[in-house]
C-alpha atoms as a PDB file:
ATOM      1  CA  MET A   1       1.995  -3.641 -17.470  1.00  0.00           C
ATOM      2  CA  GLU A   2      -0.168  -6.643 -16.673  1.00  0.00           C
ATOM      3  CA  ALA A   3      -1.604  -6.818 -13.148  1.00  0.00           C
ATOM      4  CA  PRO A   4       0.145  -9.354 -10.920  1.00  0.00           C
ATOM      5  CA  ASP A   5      -1.682 -12.347  -9.486  1.00  0.00           C
ATOM      6  CA  TRP A   6      -1.885 -10.825  -6.001  1.00  0.00           C
ATOM      7  CA  GLU A   7      -3.497 -13.874  -4.397  1.00  0.00           C
ATOM      8  CA  LYS A   8      -0.726 -16.169  -5.627  1.00  0.00           C
ATOM      9  CA  LEU A   9       1.959 -13.709  -4.526  1.00  0.00           C
ATOM     10  CA  VAL A  10       0.500 -13.496  -1.001  1.00  0.00           C
ATOM     11  CA  GLN A  11       0.617 -17.295  -0.650  1.00  0.00           C
ATOM     12  CA  ASN A  12       4.412 -17.233  -1.080  1.00  0.00           C
ATOM     13  CA  TRP A  13       5.067 -13.810   0.476  1.00  0.00           C
ATOM     14  CA  SER A  14       8.416 -14.804   2.014  1.00  0.00           C
ATOM     15  CA  ASN A  15      10.165 -15.228  -1.356  1.00  0.00           C
ATOM     16  CA  GLY A  16      10.177 -11.460  -1.975  1.00  0.00           C
ATOM     17  CA  HIS A  17       8.047 -11.507  -5.137  1.00  0.00           C
ATOM     18  CA  LEU A  18       5.104  -9.840  -3.394  1.00  0.00           C
ATOM     19  CA  LYS A  19       7.309  -6.977  -2.248  1.00  0.00           C
ATOM     20  CA  LEU A  20       8.779  -6.626  -5.736  1.00  0.00           C
ATOM     21  CA  ALA A  21       5.300  -6.545  -7.328  1.00  0.00           C
ATOM     22  CA  TRP A  22       4.150  -3.853  -4.880  1.00  0.00           C
ATOM     23  CA  THR A  23       7.302  -1.831  -5.511  1.00  0.00           C
ATOM     24  CA  ARG A  24       6.794  -2.014  -9.293  1.00  0.00           C
ATOM     25  CA  ARG A  25       3.132  -1.031  -8.966  1.00  0.00           C
ATOM     26  CA  LEU A  26       3.905   1.896  -6.678  1.00  0.00           C
ATOM     27  CA  LEU A  27       6.718   3.154  -8.903  1.00  0.00           C
ATOM     28  CA  LYS A  28       4.326   3.005 -11.863  1.00  0.00           C
ATOM     29  CA  LEU A  29       1.816   5.122  -9.933  1.00  0.00           C
ATOM     30  CA  ARG A  30       4.624   7.507  -8.935  1.00  0.00           C
ATOM     31  CA  THR A  31       5.454   7.989 -12.602  1.00  0.00           C
ATOM     32  CA  GLU A  32       1.807   8.401 -13.652  1.00  0.00           C
ATOM     33  CA  PHE A  33       1.176  11.030 -10.956  1.00  0.00           C
ATOM     34  CA  ALA A  34       4.641  12.618 -10.851  1.00  0.00           C
ATOM     35  CA  ASP A  35       3.257  16.164 -10.652  1.00  0.00           C
ATOM     36  CA  VAL A  36       0.976  15.273  -7.734  1.00  0.00           C
ATOM     37  CA  PHE A  37       3.826  13.670  -5.786  1.00  0.00           C
ATOM     38  CA  ALA A  38       6.314  16.446  -6.562  1.00  0.00           C
ATOM     39  CA  HIS A  39       4.078  19.510  -6.223  1.00  0.00           C
ATOM     40  CA  GLY A  40       0.825  18.384  -4.610  1.00  0.00           C
ATOM     41  CA  ASP A  41      -0.439  19.689  -1.314  1.00  0.00           C
ATOM     42  CA  TYR A  42       0.036  17.386   1.681  1.00  0.00           C
ATOM     43  CA  GLU A  43      -3.065  16.567   3.743  1.00  0.00           C
ATOM     44  CA  PRO A  44      -2.868  14.187   6.729  1.00  0.00           C
ATOM     45  CA  LEU A  45      -5.885  11.882   6.915  1.00  0.00           C
ATOM     46  CA  GLN A  46      -7.614  10.694  10.071  1.00  0.00           C
ATOM     47  CA  VAL A  47      -7.696   6.912  10.409  1.00  0.00           C
ATOM     48  CA  THR A  48     -10.529   5.321  12.366  1.00  0.00           C
ATOM     49  CA  GLY A  49     -11.288   1.815  13.522  1.00  0.00           C
ATOM     50  CA  PRO A  50      -9.810  -0.703  15.928  1.00  0.00           C
ATOM     51  CA  HIS A  51      -6.322  -0.662  14.324  1.00  0.00           C
ATOM     52  CA  ARG A  52      -6.082   3.097  13.742  1.00  0.00           C
ATOM     53  CA  ASP A  53      -2.862   3.319  15.772  1.00  0.00           C
ATOM     54  CA  HIS A  54      -1.182   1.018  13.254  1.00  0.00           C
ATOM     55  CA  VAL A  55      -1.876   3.097  10.132  1.00  0.00           C
ATOM     56  CA  ILE A  56      -0.526   6.380   8.801  1.00  0.00           C
ATOM     57  CA  ALA A  57      -2.504   7.955   5.956  1.00  0.00           C
ATOM     58  CA  PHE A  58      -2.230  11.119   3.901  1.00  0.00           C
ATOM     59  CA  ALA A  59      -3.334  12.592   0.587  1.00  0.00           C
ATOM     60  CA  ARG A  60      -1.365  14.561  -1.992  1.00  0.00           C
ATOM     61  CA  ARG A  61      -3.580  16.810  -4.134  1.00  0.00           C
ATOM     62  CA  ARG A  62      -2.864  18.929  -7.178  1.00  0.00           C
ATOM     63  CA  GLY A  63      -5.687  20.266  -9.296  1.00  0.00           C
ATOM     64  CA  PRO A  64      -8.218  17.531 -10.028  1.00  0.00           C
ATOM     65  CA  ASP A  65      -5.728  14.753  -9.183  1.00  0.00           C
ATOM     66  CA  ALA A  66      -5.131  13.165  -5.803  1.00  0.00           C
ATOM     67  CA  VAL A  67      -3.175  10.225  -4.461  1.00  0.00           C
ATOM     68  CA  ILE A  68      -3.990   8.685  -1.083  1.00  0.00           C
ATOM     69  CA  THR A  69      -1.302   6.745   0.739  1.00  0.00           C
ATOM     70  CA  ALA A  70      -1.964   4.481   3.726  1.00  0.00           C
ATOM     71  CA  VAL A  71       0.890   2.620   5.369  1.00  0.00           C
ATOM     72  CA  ALA A  72       0.912   0.053   8.172  1.00  0.00           C
ATOM     73  CA  LYS A  73       3.186   0.751  11.121  1.00  0.00           C
ATOM     74  CA  SER A  74       4.008  -1.268  14.218  1.00  0.00           C
ATOM     75  CA  PHE A  75       3.015  -4.417  12.353  1.00  0.00           C
ATOM     76  CA  ALA A  76       4.740  -6.822  14.774  1.00  0.00           C
ATOM     77  CA  PRO A  77       1.633  -7.396  16.951  1.00  0.00           C
ATOM     78  CA  PHE A  78      -0.140  -8.799  13.872  1.00  0.00           C
ATOM     79  CA  SER A  79       2.731 -11.060  12.799  1.00  0.00           C
ATOM     80  CA  GLN A  80       3.885 -12.762  16.004  1.00  0.00           C
ATOM     81  CA  GLY A  81       6.742 -10.310  16.323  1.00  0.00           C
ATOM     82  CA  GLY A  82       7.609 -10.567  12.636  1.00  0.00           C
ATOM     83  CA  ARG A  83       7.863 -14.367  12.642  1.00  0.00           C
ATOM     84  CA  VAL A  84       4.866 -14.998  10.353  1.00  0.00           C
ATOM     85  CA  GLY A  85       3.506 -13.210   7.330  1.00  0.00           C
ATOM     86  CA  PRO A  86       0.003 -12.224   6.396  1.00  0.00           C
ATOM     87  CA  ALA A  87      -2.544 -14.959   5.840  1.00  0.00           C
ATOM     88  CA  PRO A  88      -3.682 -15.171   2.218  1.00  0.00           C
ATOM     89  CA  LYS A  89      -7.022 -13.427   1.729  1.00  0.00           C
ATOM     90  CA  PRO A  90      -8.877 -12.470  -1.427  1.00  0.00           C
ATOM     91  CA  LEU A  91      -7.799  -9.050  -2.635  1.00  0.00           C
ATOM     92  CA  THR A  92     -10.208  -6.555  -4.107  1.00  0.00           C
ATOM     93  CA  GLN A  93     -10.103  -5.423  -7.708  1.00  0.00           C
ATOM     94  CA  HIS A  94      -9.028  -1.875  -6.803  1.00  0.00           C
ATOM     95  CA  LEU A  95      -5.488  -3.154  -6.192  1.00  0.00           C
ATOM     96  CA  MET A  96      -5.168  -4.194  -9.801  1.00  0.00           C
END
């Protein structure tokens, strides 16, 4: 599967294509690490920084494999109560 053009998708986030691309990418990772997700140990992770109350993070580990998940919560303060989306910013290569 070819990596999406994340920067272009962020510019038009409201059309749903960004969400679809993320969903496809995450489902691909879920398939690649099925054993880790199904049988891995759960480890909550401590989040630090000024927005730590808006992030939940945990790791799933099984043998030498691990998957770290970080999810935003209570996002409304950063989006004018959900009325605006994220501003386009360059994304790092690790998302590809």
